[in-house]
Structure formats: C-alpha cells, structure tokens
C-alpha cells in the first residue's frame, strides 16, 4: 500500500504509523451523559467494511499527522489530507450549524 503524503509525495506505508479511526470525536466532559459518552469513546469502535477515515503519522518522513480515506475491503486510498485541515473543517462546520 502506498500513501500520497501532501508534503512528501507518494511513499510506502512502512514510513507511516497507523493510529486508528479519525472520525472519533472526544466527548464534552461537561455534558450530562459524559460518563457514558467517554465509555463509548474509549471502548466502542466501529468496524467498517468500506470507506473509512484513518489517522496516520508520517514517522519516517515529514512527521505530519494525516487523515487517510481508505476502503478497508480493497485498501484503495481515495484521499489524504493533513489532520489539521480536517480538524479545522470540522470546527468550522460545527460553528456554522445552528
């Protein structure tokens, strides 16, 4: 599998470290159901058969955190973005939602 780093170009996956599901969002500790939400955050994970967003770290390259959209059935990678850009997109979409 090859990952196209937005900063370094296409590289073998041996240069990267897989860190898990990038769609998981940390719950609000002030929420009334915070204990249940944190339990689900820590222990309940989806096992998607299909496209999923994953967090990868370019350990042997530019040291960037990346969000890789990959099909878990075929390992086909359809998108790679810097994790910071994805976080800002989520933040902006959350702030514009009424």
PDB file of N, CA and C in Angstrom:
ATOM      1  N   UNK A   1       0.849  -1.172   0.000  1.00  0.00           N
ATOM      2  CA  UNK A   1       0.000   0.000   0.000  1.00  0.00           C
ATOM      3  C   UNK A   1       0.897   1.238   0.000  1.00  0.00           C
ATOM      4  N   UNK A   2       0.503   2.228  -0.789  1.00  0.00           N
ATOM      5  CA  UNK A   2       1.274   3.462  -0.880  1.00  0.00           C
ATOM      6  C   UNK A   2       0.365   4.620  -0.491  1.00  0.00           C
ATOM      7  N   UNK A   3       0.909   5.545   0.281  1.00  0.00           N
ATOM      8  CA  UNK A   3       0.176   6.708   0.760  1.00  0.00           C
ATOM      9  C   UNK A   3       0.805   7.956   0.144  1.00  0.00           C
ATOM     10  N   UNK A   4      -0.043   8.804  -0.424  1.00  0.00           N
ATOM     11  CA  UNK A   4       0.454  10.030  -1.059  1.00  0.00           C
ATOM     12  C   UNK A   4       0.436  11.155  -0.024  1.00  0.00           C
ATOM     13  N   UNK A   5       1.568  11.374   0.611  1.00  0.00           N
ATOM     14  CA  UNK A   5       1.711  12.438   1.605  1.00  0.00           C
ATOM     15  C   UNK A   5       1.592  13.785   0.882  1.00  0.00           C
ATOM     16  N   UNK A   6       0.762  14.708   1.399  1.00  0.00           N
ATOM     17  CA  UNK A   6       0.626  16.005   0.739  1.00  0.00           C
ATOM     18  C   UNK A   6       1.912  16.835   0.767  1.00  0.00           C
ATOM     19  N   UNK A   7       2.857  16.474   1.627  1.00  0.00           N
ATOM     20  CA  UNK A   7       4.093  17.233   1.765  1.00  0.00           C
ATOM     21  C   UNK A   7       5.289  16.547   1.103  1.00  0.00           C
ATOM     22  N   UNK A   8       5.328  15.216   1.127  1.00  0.00           N
ATOM     23  CA  UNK A   8       6.491  14.465   0.646  1.00  0.00           C
ATOM     24  C   UNK A   8       6.244  13.691  -0.646  1.00  0.00           C
ATOM     25  N   UNK A   9       4.989  13.562  -1.048  1.00  0.00           N
ATOM     26  CA  UNK A   9       4.674  12.759  -2.218  1.00  0.00           C
ATOM     27  C   UNK A   9       4.354  11.330  -1.832  1.00  0.00           C
ATOM     28  N   UNK A  10       4.250  10.487  -2.826  1.00  0.00           N
ATOM     29  CA  UNK A  10       3.857   9.101  -2.608  1.00  0.00           C
ATOM     30  C   UNK A  10       4.979   8.310  -1.938  1.00  0.00           C
ATOM     31  N   UNK A  11       4.614   7.579  -0.882  1.00  0.00           N
ATOM     32  CA  UNK A  11       5.587   6.790  -0.106  1.00  0.00           C
ATOM     33  C   UNK A  11       4.966   5.441   0.265  1.00  0.00           C
ATOM     34  N   UNK A  12       5.814   4.486   0.592  1.00  0.00           N
ATOM     35  CA  UNK A  12       5.351   3.188   1.071  1.00  0.00           C
ATOM     36  C   UNK A  12       4.770   3.313   2.473  1.00  0.00           C
ATOM     37  N   UNK A  13       3.803   2.458   2.784  1.00  0.00           N
ATOM     38  CA  UNK A  13       3.160   2.556   4.105  1.00  0.00           C
ATOM     39  C   UNK A  13       4.107   2.220   5.252  1.00  0.00           C
ATOM     40  N   UNK A  14       5.276   1.673   4.963  1.00  0.00           N
ATOM     41  CA  UNK A  14       6.242   1.384   6.026  1.00  0.00           C
ATOM     42  C   UNK A  14       6.829   2.654   6.632  1.00  0.00           C
ATOM     43  N   UNK A  15       6.646   3.808   5.960  1.00  0.00           N
ATOM     44  CA  UNK A  15       7.099   5.087   6.514  1.00  0.00           C
ATOM     45  C   UNK A  15       6.086   5.686   7.493  1.00  0.00           C
ATOM     46  N   UNK A  16       4.897   5.096   7.578  1.00  0.00           N
ATOM     47  CA  UNK A  16       3.801   5.663   8.358  1.00  0.00           C
ATOM     48  C   UNK A  16       3.424   4.751   9.526  1.00  0.00           C
ATOM     49  N   UNK A  17       2.812   5.346  10.528  1.00  0.00           N
ATOM     50  CA  UNK A  17       2.260   4.594  11.655  1.00  0.00           C
ATOM     51  C   UNK A  17       0.756   4.821  11.687  1.00  0.00           C
ATOM     52  N   UNK A  18       0.001   3.723  11.742  1.00  0.00           N
ATOM     53  CA  UNK A  18      -1.453   3.787  11.808  1.00  0.00           C
ATOM     54  C   UNK A  18      -1.867   4.061  13.244  1.00  0.00           C
ATOM     55  N   UNK A  19      -2.724   5.050  13.447  1.00  0.00           N
ATOM     56  CA  UNK A  19      -3.116   5.420  14.805  1.00  0.00           C
ATOM     57  C   UNK A  19      -4.576   5.196  15.107  1.00  0.00           C
ATOM     58  N   UNK A  20      -5.399   4.808  14.144  1.00  0.00           N
ATOM     59  CA  UNK A  20      -6.795   4.498  14.435  1.00  0.00           C
ATOM     60  C   UNK A  20      -7.793   5.313  13.637  1.00  0.00           C
ATOM     61  N   UNK A  21      -9.037   5.200  14.068  1.00  0.00           N
ATOM     62  CA  UNK A  21     -10.180   5.828  13.417  1.00  0.00           C
ATOM     63  C   UNK A  21     -10.116   7.346  13.594  1.00  0.00           C
ATOM     64  N   UNK A  22     -10.112   8.082  12.486  1.00  0.00           N
ATOM     65  CA  UNK A  22     -10.014   9.545  12.556  1.00  0.00           C
ATOM     66  C   UNK A  22     -11.369  10.219  12.709  1.00  0.00           C
ATOM     67  N   UNK A  23     -12.450   9.441  12.646  1.00  0.00           N
ATOM     68  CA  UNK A  23     -13.772  10.052  12.755  1.00  0.00           C
ATOM     69  C   UNK A  23     -14.246  10.168  14.201  1.00  0.00           C
ATOM     70  N   UNK A  24     -13.525   9.576  15.126  1.00  0.00           N
ATOM     71  CA  UNK A  24     -13.910   9.609  16.538  1.00  0.00           C
ATOM     72  C   UNK A  24     -13.646  10.998  17.106  1.00  0.00           C
ATOM     73  N   UNK A  25     -14.650  11.554  17.777  1.00  0.00           N
ATOM     74  CA  UNK A  25     -14.539  12.889  18.363  1.00  0.00           C
ATOM     75  C   UNK A  25     -14.656  12.774  19.879  1.00  0.00           C
ATOM     76  N   UNK A  26     -13.740  13.410  20.583  1.00  0.00           N
ATOM     77  CA  UNK A  26     -13.733  13.370  22.048  1.00  0.00           C
ATOM     78  C   UNK A  26     -14.997  14.018  22.594  1.00  0.00           C
ATOM     79  N   UNK A  27     -15.686  13.346  23.524  1.00  0.00           N
ATOM     80  CA  UNK A  27     -16.925  13.902  24.081  1.00  0.00           C
ATOM     81  C   UNK A  27     -16.677  15.121  24.968  1.00  0.00           C
ATOM     82  N   UNK A  28     -17.737  15.881  25.176  1.00  0.00           N
ATOM     83  CA  UNK A  28     -17.696  17.051  26.046  1.00  0.00           C
ATOM     84  C   UNK A  28     -17.759  16.587  27.504  1.00  0.00           C
ATOM     85  N   UNK A  29     -16.731  16.866  28.311  1.00  0.00           N
ATOM     86  CA  UNK A  29     -16.746  16.407  29.701  1.00  0.00           C
ATOM     87  C   UNK A  29     -17.819  17.092  30.546  1.00  0.00           C
ATOM     88  N   UNK A  30     -18.363  18.202  30.069  1.00  0.00           N
ATOM     89  CA  UNK A  30     -19.401  18.911  30.821  1.00  0.00           C
ATOM     90  C   UNK A  30     -20.809  18.420  30.489  1.00  0.00           C
ATOM     91  N   UNK A  31     -20.932  17.535  29.522  1.00  0.00           N
ATOM     92  CA  UNK A  31     -22.250  17.033  29.126  1.00  0.00           C
ATOM     93  C   UNK A  31     -22.852  16.191  30.246  1.00  0.00           C
ATOM     94  N   UNK A  32     -24.175  16.180  30.350  1.00  0.00           N
ATOM     95  CA  UNK A  32     -24.823  15.403  31.419  1.00  0.00           C
ATOM     96  C   UNK A  32     -24.553  13.898  31.330  1.00  0.00           C
ATOM     97  N   UNK A  33     -24.352  13.386  30.121  1.00  0.00           N
ATOM     98  CA  UNK A  33     -24.079  11.953  29.942  1.00  0.00           C
ATOM     99  C   UNK A  33     -22.598  11.690  29.693  1.00  0.00           C
ATOM    100  N   UNK A  34     -21.734  12.497  30.264  1.00  0.00           N
ATOM    101  CA  UNK A  34     -20.290  12.435  29.994  1.00  0.00           C
ATOM    102  C   UNK A  34     -19.697  11.060  30.294  1.00  0.00           C
ATOM    103  N   UNK A  35     -20.096  10.418  31.380  1.00  0.00           N
ATOM    104  CA  UNK A  35     -19.522   9.110  31.736  1.00  0.00           C
ATOM    105  C   UNK A  35     -19.828   8.071  30.659  1.00  0.00           C
ATOM    106  N   UNK A  36     -21.074   8.012  30.212  1.00  0.00           N
ATOM    107  CA  UNK A  36     -21.444   7.064  29.155  1.00  0.00           C
ATOM    108  C   UNK A  36     -20.758   7.412  27.835  1.00  0.00           C
ATOM    109  N   UNK A  37     -20.677   8.708  27.542  1.00  0.00           N
ATOM    110  CA  UNK A  37     -20.045   9.144  26.296  1.00  0.00           C
ATOM    111  C   UNK A  37     -18.556   8.801  26.285  1.00  0.00           C
ATOM    112  N   UNK A  38     -17.875   8.969  27.414  1.00  0.00           N
ATOM    113  CA  UNK A  38     -16.453   8.636  27.469  1.00  0.00           C
ATOM    114  C   UNK A  38     -16.227   7.128  27.418  1.00  0.00           C
ATOM    115  N   UNK A  39     -17.136   6.356  27.990  1.00  0.00           N
ATOM    116  CA  UNK A  39     -17.034   4.896  27.882  1.00  0.00           C
ATOM    117  C   UNK A  39     -17.114   4.494  26.409  1.00  0.00           C
ATOM    118  N   UNK A  40     -18.116   5.026  25.704  1.00  0.00           N
ATOM    119  CA  UNK A  40     -18.277   4.715  24.279  1.00  0.00           C
ATOM    120  C   UNK A  40     -17.065   5.195  23.480  1.00  0.00           C
ATOM    121  N   UNK A  41     -16.547   6.373  23.809  1.00  0.00           N
ATOM    122  CA  UNK A  41     -15.370   6.940  23.136  1.00  0.00           C
ATOM    123  C   UNK A  41     -14.157   6.028  23.285  1.00  0.00           C
ATOM    124  N   UNK A  42     -13.970   5.466  24.467  1.00  0.00           N
ATOM    125  CA  UNK A  42     -12.779   4.661  24.749  1.00  0.00           C
ATOM    126  C   UNK A  42     -12.896   3.206  24.298  1.00  0.00           C
ATOM    127  N   UNK A  43     -14.102   2.628  24.372  1.00  0.00           N
ATOM    128  CA  UNK A  43     -14.214   1.183  24.192  1.00  0.00           C
ATOM    129  C   UNK A  43     -15.069   0.719  23.018  1.00  0.00           C
ATOM    130  N   UNK A  44     -15.949   1.544  22.514  1.00  0.00           N
ATOM    131  CA  UNK A  44     -16.841   1.104  21.445  1.00  0.00           C
ATOM    132  C   UNK A  44     -16.389   1.704  20.127  1.00  0.00           C
ATOM    133  N   UNK A  45     -15.920   0.846  19.237  1.00  0.00           N
ATOM    134  CA  UNK A  45     -15.426   1.303  17.934  1.00  0.00           C
ATOM    135  C   UNK A  45     -16.193   0.601  16.822  1.00  0.00           C
ATOM    136  N   UNK A  46     -16.331   1.324  15.708  1.00  0.00           N
ATOM    137  CA  UNK A  46     -16.960   0.743  14.524  1.00  0.00           C
ATOM    138  C   UNK A  46     -15.930  -0.136  13.809  1.00  0.00           C
ATOM    139  N   UNK A  47     -16.410  -1.154  13.124  1.00  0.00           N
ATOM    140  CA  UNK A  47     -15.554  -1.992  12.295  1.00  0.00           C
ATOM    141  C   UNK A  47     -16.122  -1.933  10.883  1.00  0.00           C
ATOM    142  N   UNK A  48     -15.794  -0.883  10.173  1.00  0.00           N
ATOM    143  CA  UNK A  48     -16.392  -0.570   8.885  1.00  0.00           C
ATOM    144  C   UNK A  48     -15.823  -1.448   7.782  1.00  0.00           C
ATOM    145  N   UNK A  49     -16.724  -1.995   6.956  1.00  0.00           N
ATOM    146  CA  UNK A  49     -16.312  -2.677   5.730  1.00  0.00           C
ATOM    147  C   UNK A  49     -16.609  -1.721   4.592  1.00  0.00           C
ATOM    148  N   UNK A  50     -15.620  -0.937   4.227  1.00  0.00           N
ATOM    149  CA  UNK A  50     -15.804   0.071   3.194  1.00  0.00           C
ATOM    150  C   UNK A  50     -14.963   1.292   3.500  1.00  0.00           C
ATOM    151  N   UNK A  51     -15.325   2.431   2.913  1.00  0.00           N
ATOM    152  CA  UNK A  51     -14.531   3.645   3.119  1.00  0.00           C
ATOM    153  C   UNK A  51     -14.559   4.107   4.577  1.00  0.00           C
ATOM    154  N   UNK A  52     -13.398   4.454   5.085  1.00  0.00           N
ATOM    155  CA  UNK A  52     -13.283   4.950   6.446  1.00  0.00           C
ATOM    156  C   UNK A  52     -12.154   5.974   6.507  1.00  0.00           C
ATOM    157  N   UNK A  53     -12.231   6.867   7.470  1.00  0.00           N
ATOM    158  CA  UNK A  53     -11.160   7.840   7.668  1.00  0.00           C
ATOM    159  C   UNK A  53     -10.260   7.339   8.783  1.00  0.00           C
ATOM    160  N   UNK A  54      -8.957   7.335   8.502  1.00  0.00           N
ATOM    161  CA  UNK A  54      -7.977   6.820   9.459  1.00  0.00           C
ATOM    162  C   UNK A  54      -6.914   7.875   9.730  1.00  0.00           C
ATOM    163  N   UNK A  55      -6.378   7.830  10.924  1.00  0.00           N
ATOM    164  CA  UNK A  55      -5.312   8.748  11.318  1.00  0.00           C
ATOM    165  C   UNK A  55      -3.977   8.033  11.148  1.00  0.00           C
ATOM    166  N   UNK A  56      -3.084   8.645  10.366  1.00  0.00           N
ATOM    167  CA  UNK A  56      -1.751   8.106  10.119  1.00  0.00           C
ATOM    168  C   UNK A  56      -0.724   9.179  10.454  1.00  0.00           C
ATOM    169  N   UNK A  57       0.447   8.731  10.909  1.00  0.00           N
ATOM    170  CA  UNK A  57       1.548   9.624  11.252  1.00  0.00           C
ATOM    171  C   UNK A  57       2.729   9.306  10.339  1.00  0.00           C
ATOM    172  N   UNK A  58       3.280  10.311   9.664  1.00  0.00           N
ATOM    173  CA  UNK A  58       4.407  10.085   8.743  1.00  0.00           C
ATOM    174  C   UNK A  58       5.707  10.082   9.550  1.00  0.00           C
ATOM    175  N   UNK A  59       5.956   8.980  10.213  1.00  0.00           N
ATOM    176  CA  UNK A  59       7.067   8.854  11.161  1.00  0.00           C
ATOM    177  C   UNK A  59       8.439   8.921  10.493  1.00  0.00           C
ATOM    178  N   UNK A  60       8.576   8.345   9.302  1.00  0.00           N
ATOM    179  CA  UNK A  60       9.884   8.307   8.649  1.00  0.00           C
ATOM    180  C   UNK A  60      10.001   9.371   7.557  1.00  0.00           C
ATOM    181  N   UNK A  61       9.176  10.390   7.677  1.00  0.00           N
ATOM    182  CA  UNK A  61       9.205  11.456   6.675  1.00  0.00           C
ATOM    183  C   UNK A  61       9.078  12.807   7.343  1.00  0.00           C
ATOM    184  N   UNK A  62       8.030  13.538   7.002  1.00  0.00           N
ATOM    185  CA  UNK A  62       7.865  14.925   7.451  1.00  0.00           C
ATOM    186  C   UNK A  62       7.236  15.044   8.839  1.00  0.00           C
ATOM    187  N   UNK A  63       6.887  13.936   9.460  1.00  0.00           N
ATOM    188  CA  UNK A  63       6.288  13.909  10.801  1.00  0.00           C
ATOM    189  C   UNK A  63       4.907  14.563  10.840  1.00  0.00           C
ATOM    190  N   UNK A  64       4.198  14.535   9.723  1.00  0.00           N
ATOM    191  CA  UNK A  64       2.857  15.114   9.655  1.00  0.00           C
ATOM    192  C   UNK A  64       1.820  14.086  10.092  1.00  0.00           C
ATOM    193  N   UNK A  65       0.755  14.585  10.718  1.00  0.00           N
ATOM    194  CA  UNK A  65      -0.427  13.777  11.021  1.00  0.00           C
ATOM    195  C   UNK A  65      -1.357  13.908   9.827  1.00  0.00           C
ATOM    196  N   UNK A  66      -1.835  12.785   9.310  1.00  0.00           N
ATOM    197  CA  UNK A  66      -2.661  12.769   8.109  1.00  0.00           C
ATOM    198  C   UNK A  66      -3.964  12.023   8.354  1.00  0.00           C
ATOM    199  N   UNK A  67      -5.022  12.457   7.693  1.00  0.00           N
ATOM    200  CA  UNK A  67      -6.277  11.717   7.666  1.00  0.00           C
ATOM    201  C   UNK A  67      -6.357  11.064   6.288  1.00  0.00           C
ATOM    202  N   UNK A  68      -6.356   9.739   6.286  1.00  0.00           N
ATOM    203  CA  UNK A  68      -6.361   8.950   5.057  1.00  0.00           C
ATOM    204  C   UNK A  68      -7.739   8.318   4.912  1.00  0.00           C
ATOM    205  N   UNK A  69      -8.394   8.553   3.783  1.00  0.00           N
ATOM    206  CA  UNK A  69      -9.662   7.888   3.488  1.00  0.00           C
ATOM    207  C   UNK A  69      -9.328   6.636   2.695  1.00  0.00           C
ATOM    208  N   UNK A  70      -9.622   5.471   3.318  1.00  0.00           N
ATOM    209  CA  UNK A  70      -9.214   4.183   2.744  1.00  0.00           C
ATOM    210  C   UNK A  70     -10.380   3.212   2.798  1.00  0.00           C
ATOM    211  N   UNK A  71     -10.535   2.433   1.732  1.00  0.00           N
ATOM    212  CA  UNK A  71     -11.544   1.369   1.704  1.00  0.00           C
ATOM    213  C   UNK A  71     -10.932   0.146   2.377  1.00  0.00           C
ATOM    214  N   UNK A  72     -11.531  -0.284   3.472  1.00  0.00           N
ATOM    215  CA  UNK A  72     -10.961  -1.396   4.239  1.00  0.00           C
ATOM    216  C   UNK A  72     -11.086  -2.735   3.513  1.00  0.00           C
ATOM    217  N   UNK A  73     -11.935  -2.815   2.489  1.00  0.00           N
ATOM    218  CA  UNK A  73     -12.071  -4.066   1.739  1.00  0.00           C
ATOM    219  C   UNK A  73     -10.975  -4.223   0.697  1.00  0.00           C
ATOM    220  N   UNK A  74     -10.567  -3.117   0.065  1.00  0.00           N
ATOM    221  CA  UNK A  74      -9.611  -3.182  -1.044  1.00  0.00           C
ATOM    222  C   UNK A  74      -8.286  -2.485  -0.749  1.00  0.00           C
ATOM    223  N   UNK A  75      -8.224  -1.727   0.334  1.00  0.00           N
ATOM    224  CA  UNK A  75      -7.073  -0.898   0.710  1.00  0.00           C
ATOM    225  C   UNK A  75      -6.847   0.263  -0.241  1.00  0.00           C
ATOM    226  N   UNK A  76      -7.819   0.538  -1.118  1.00  0.00           N
ATOM    227  CA  UNK A  76      -7.705   1.674  -2.035  1.00  0.00           C
ATOM    228  C   UNK A  76      -7.822   2.979  -1.254  1.00  0.00           C
ATOM    229  N   UNK A  77      -6.880   3.869  -1.479  1.00  0.00           N
ATOM    230  CA  UNK A  77      -6.864   5.167  -0.810  1.00  0.00           C
ATOM    231  C   UNK A  77      -7.443   6.196  -1.765  1.00  0.00           C
ATOM    232  N   UNK A  78      -8.506   6.884  -1.319  1.00  0.00           N
ATOM    233  CA  UNK A  78      -9.168   7.857  -2.180  1.00  0.00           C
ATOM    234  C   UNK A  78      -8.817   9.300  -1.829  1.00  0.00           C
ATOM    235  N   UNK A  79      -8.286   9.536  -0.620  1.00  0.00           N
ATOM    236  CA  UNK A  79      -7.977  10.909  -0.230  1.00  0.00           C
ATOM    237  C   UNK A  79      -6.980  10.904   0.930  1.00  0.00           C
ATOM    238  N   UNK A  80      -6.108  11.897   0.936  1.00  0.00           N
ATOM    239  CA  UNK A  80      -5.167  12.111   2.042  1.00  0.00           C
ATOM    240  C   UNK A  80      -5.124  13.611   2.306  1.00  0.00           C
ATOM    241  N   UNK A  81      -5.382  13.994   3.564  1.00  0.00           N
ATOM    242  CA  UNK A  81      -5.358  15.416   3.942  1.00  0.00           C
ATOM    243  C   UNK A  81      -4.571  15.574   5.230  1.00  0.00           C
ATOM    244  N   UNK A  82      -3.950  16.725   5.420  1.00  0.00           N
ATOM    245  CA  UNK A  82      -3.339  16.995   6.728  1.00  0.00           C
ATOM    246  C   UNK A  82      -4.421  16.983   7.814  1.00  0.00           C
ATOM    247  N   UNK A  83      -4.142  16.353   8.931  1.00  0.00           N
ATOM    248  CA  UNK A  83      -5.125  16.235  10.006  1.00  0.00           C
ATOM    249  C   UNK A  83      -5.570  17.606  10.509  1.00  0.00           C
ATOM    250  N   UNK A  84      -4.683  18.578  10.500  1.00  0.00           N
ATOM    251  CA  UNK A  84      -5.037  19.917  10.954  1.00  0.00           C
ATOM    252  C   UNK A  84      -6.129  20.518  10.064  1.00  0.00           C
ATOM    253  N   UNK A  85      -6.047  20.298   8.764  1.00  0.00           N
ATOM    254  CA  UNK A  85      -7.064  20.815   7.847  1.00  0.00           C
ATOM    255  C   UNK A  85      -8.422  20.163   8.120  1.00  0.00           C
ATOM    256  N   UNK A  86      -8.418  18.861   8.372  1.00  0.00           N
ATOM    257  CA  UNK A  86      -9.659  18.146   8.661  1.00  0.00           C
ATOM    258  C   UNK A  86     -10.263  18.654   9.967  1.00  0.00           C
ATOM    259  N   UNK A  87      -9.435  18.876  10.977  1.00  0.00           N
ATOM    260  CA  UNK A  87      -9.926  19.386  12.256  1.00  0.00           C
ATOM    261  C   UNK A  87     -10.529  20.777  12.093  1.00  0.00           C
ATOM    262  N   UNK A  88      -9.885  21.637  11.302  1.00  0.00           N
ATOM    263  CA  UNK A  88     -10.424  22.980  11.069  1.00  0.00           C
ATOM    264  C   UNK A  88     -11.740  22.928  10.295  1.00  0.00           C
ATOM    265  N   UNK A  89     -11.851  22.019   9.320  1.00  0.00           N
ATOM    266  CA  UNK A  89     -13.108  21.847   8.586  1.00  0.00           C
ATOM    267  C   UNK A  89     -14.225  21.433   9.533  1.00  0.00           C
ATOM    268  N   UNK A  90     -13.946  20.484  10.429  1.00  0.00           N
ATOM    269  CA  UNK A  90     -14.958  20.040  11.400  1.00  0.00           C
ATOM    270  C   UNK A  90     -15.348  21.176  12.330  1.00  0.00           C
ATOM    271  N   UNK A  91     -14.368  21.933  12.785  1.00  0.00           N
ATOM    272  CA  UNK A  91     -14.632  23.042  13.692  1.00  0.00           C
ATOM    273  C   UNK A  91     -15.492  24.099  12.997  1.00  0.00           C
ATOM    274  N   UNK A  92     -15.162  24.426  11.754  1.00  0.00           N
ATOM    275  CA  UNK A  92     -15.926  25.424  11.027  1.00  0.00           C
ATOM    276  C   UNK A  92     -17.348  24.954  10.731  1.00  0.00           C
ATOM    277  N   UNK A  93     -17.519  23.676  10.388  1.00  0.00           N
ATOM    278  CA  UNK A  93     -18.863  23.171  10.112  1.00  0.00           C
ATOM    279  C   UNK A  93     -19.688  23.081  11.391  1.00  0.00           C
ATOM    280  N   UNK A  94     -19.049  22.805  12.514  1.00  0.00           N
ATOM    281  CA  UNK A  94     -19.770  22.761  13.794  1.00  0.00           C
ATOM    282  C   UNK A  94     -20.202  24.154  14.237  1.00  0.00           C
ATOM    283  N   UNK A  95     -19.390  25.155  13.950  1.00  0.00           N
ATOM    284  CA  UNK A  95     -19.719  26.515  14.381  1.00  0.00           C
ATOM    285  C   UNK A  95     -20.788  27.149  13.486  1.00  0.00           C
ATOM    286  N   UNK A  96     -20.968  26.647  12.263  1.00  0.00           N
ATOM    287  CA  UNK A  96     -21.994  27.194  11.377  1.00  0.00           C
ATOM    288  C   UNK A  96     -23.314  26.444  11.471  1.00  0.00           C
ATOM    289  N   UNK A  97     -23.327  25.303  12.158  1.00  0.00           N
ATOM    290  CA  UNK A  97     -24.549  24.536  12.337  1.00  0.00           C
ATOM    291  C   UNK A  97     -25.377  25.147  13.456  1.00  0.00           C
ATOM    292  N   UNK A  98     -26.662  25.470  13.172  1.00  0.00           N
ATOM    293  CA  UNK A  98     -27.480  26.092  14.222  1.00  0.00           C
ATOM    294  C   UNK A  98     -27.838  25.157  15.334  1.00  0.00           C
TER     295      UNK A  98
END
